[in-house]
């Protein structure tokens, strides 16, 4: 079983071409990918979660 990849927030923001504040608003509204908050308050998004979110956006459009 391959190891799950977790992306740091700057990498996610770059892929989405989105500002941190816009991303935070989107996630707060329940419209963004699931975010994992680590004990040190850093945020991560799993690669599989981000890919699934992208696929859902394509279907919705």
C-alpha atoms as a PDB file:
ATOM      1  CA  UNK A   1       0.000   0.000   0.000  1.00  0.00           C
ATOM      2  CA  UNK A   2       1.531   3.354  -1.011  1.00  0.00           C
ATOM      3  CA  UNK A   3       2.157   5.993   1.613  1.00  0.00           C
ATOM      4  CA  UNK A   4      -0.420   8.799   1.660  1.00  0.00           C
ATOM      5  CA  UNK A   5       1.000  12.139   0.528  1.00  0.00           C
ATOM      6  CA  UNK A   6       0.072  15.228   2.540  1.00  0.00           C
ATOM      7  CA  UNK A   7       0.583  18.624   0.918  1.00  0.00           C
ATOM      8  CA  UNK A   8       1.577  21.740   2.807  1.00  0.00           C
ATOM      9  CA  UNK A   9      -0.761  24.684   2.428  1.00  0.00           C
ATOM     10  CA  UNK A  10       1.557  26.761   0.171  1.00  0.00           C
ATOM     11  CA  UNK A  11       1.668  23.863  -2.324  1.00  0.00           C
ATOM     12  CA  UNK A  12      -2.133  23.574  -2.274  1.00  0.00           C
ATOM     13  CA  UNK A  13      -2.555  27.331  -2.740  1.00  0.00           C
ATOM     14  CA  UNK A  14      -0.135  27.293  -5.665  1.00  0.00           C
ATOM     15  CA  UNK A  15      -1.969  24.408  -7.333  1.00  0.00           C
ATOM     16  CA  UNK A  16      -5.321  26.149  -6.871  1.00  0.00           C
ATOM     17  CA  UNK A  17      -3.861  29.555  -7.794  1.00  0.00           C
ATOM     18  CA  UNK A  18      -5.658  31.011  -4.792  1.00  0.00           C
ATOM     19  CA  UNK A  19      -4.794  33.290  -1.883  1.00  0.00           C
ATOM     20  CA  UNK A  20      -4.707  31.919   1.642  1.00  0.00           C
ATOM     21  CA  UNK A  21      -7.623  34.116   2.733  1.00  0.00           C
ATOM     22  CA  UNK A  22      -9.806  32.988  -0.197  1.00  0.00           C
ATOM     23  CA  UNK A  23      -8.930  29.350   0.531  1.00  0.00           C
ATOM     24  CA  UNK A  24      -9.749  29.786   4.227  1.00  0.00           C
ATOM     25  CA  UNK A  25     -13.143  31.318   3.375  1.00  0.00           C
ATOM     26  CA  UNK A  26     -13.914  28.496   0.935  1.00  0.00           C
ATOM     27  CA  UNK A  27     -13.046  25.808   3.506  1.00  0.00           C
ATOM     28  CA  UNK A  28     -15.048  27.608   6.225  1.00  0.00           C
ATOM     29  CA  UNK A  29     -18.103  27.537   3.932  1.00  0.00           C
ATOM     30  CA  UNK A  30     -17.653  23.804   3.404  1.00  0.00           C
ATOM     31  CA  UNK A  31     -16.808  24.244  -0.287  1.00  0.00           C
ATOM     32  CA  UNK A  32     -13.121  23.300  -0.166  1.00  0.00           C
ATOM     33  CA  UNK A  33     -11.114  20.122   0.286  1.00  0.00           C
ATOM     34  CA  UNK A  34     -10.837  18.599   3.756  1.00  0.00           C
ATOM     35  CA  UNK A  35      -7.989  20.185   5.700  1.00  0.00           C
ATOM     36  CA  UNK A  36      -6.022  18.389   8.419  1.00  0.00           C
ATOM     37  CA  UNK A  37      -4.742  20.531  11.283  1.00  0.00           C
ATOM     38  CA  UNK A  38      -1.603  19.205  12.937  1.00  0.00           C
ATOM     39  CA  UNK A  39      -0.839  19.665  16.653  1.00  0.00           C
ATOM     40  CA  UNK A  40       1.625  22.451  15.749  1.00  0.00           C
ATOM     41  CA  UNK A  41      -1.243  24.289  13.950  1.00  0.00           C
ATOM     42  CA  UNK A  42       0.151  23.620  10.484  1.00  0.00           C
ATOM     43  CA  UNK A  43      -2.393  22.654   7.832  1.00  0.00           C
ATOM     44  CA  UNK A  44      -2.163  19.762   5.381  1.00  0.00           C
ATOM     45  CA  UNK A  45      -4.371  18.432   2.595  1.00  0.00           C
ATOM     46  CA  UNK A  46      -4.024  14.854   1.429  1.00  0.00           C
ATOM     47  CA  UNK A  47      -3.220  14.425  -2.254  1.00  0.00           C
ATOM     48  CA  UNK A  48      -6.132  11.991  -2.681  1.00  0.00           C
ATOM     49  CA  UNK A  49      -8.558  14.451  -1.019  1.00  0.00           C
ATOM     50  CA  UNK A  50      -7.385  17.313  -3.240  1.00  0.00           C
ATOM     51  CA  UNK A  51      -7.659  15.165  -6.386  1.00  0.00           C
ATOM     52  CA  UNK A  52     -11.181  14.049  -5.400  1.00  0.00           C
ATOM     53  CA  UNK A  53     -12.169  17.674  -4.714  1.00  0.00           C
ATOM     54  CA  UNK A  54     -10.824  18.723  -8.139  1.00  0.00           C
ATOM     55  CA  UNK A  55     -12.829  15.926  -9.809  1.00  0.00           C
ATOM     56  CA  UNK A  56     -16.004  17.043  -8.009  1.00  0.00           C
ATOM     57  CA  UNK A  57     -15.453  20.618  -9.204  1.00  0.00           C
ATOM     58  CA  UNK A  58     -15.183  19.427 -12.815  1.00  0.00           C
ATOM     59  CA  UNK A  59     -18.476  17.526 -12.511  1.00  0.00           C
ATOM     60  CA  UNK A  60     -20.196  20.500 -10.872  1.00  0.00           C
ATOM     61  CA  UNK A  61     -19.106  22.854 -13.654  1.00  0.00           C
END
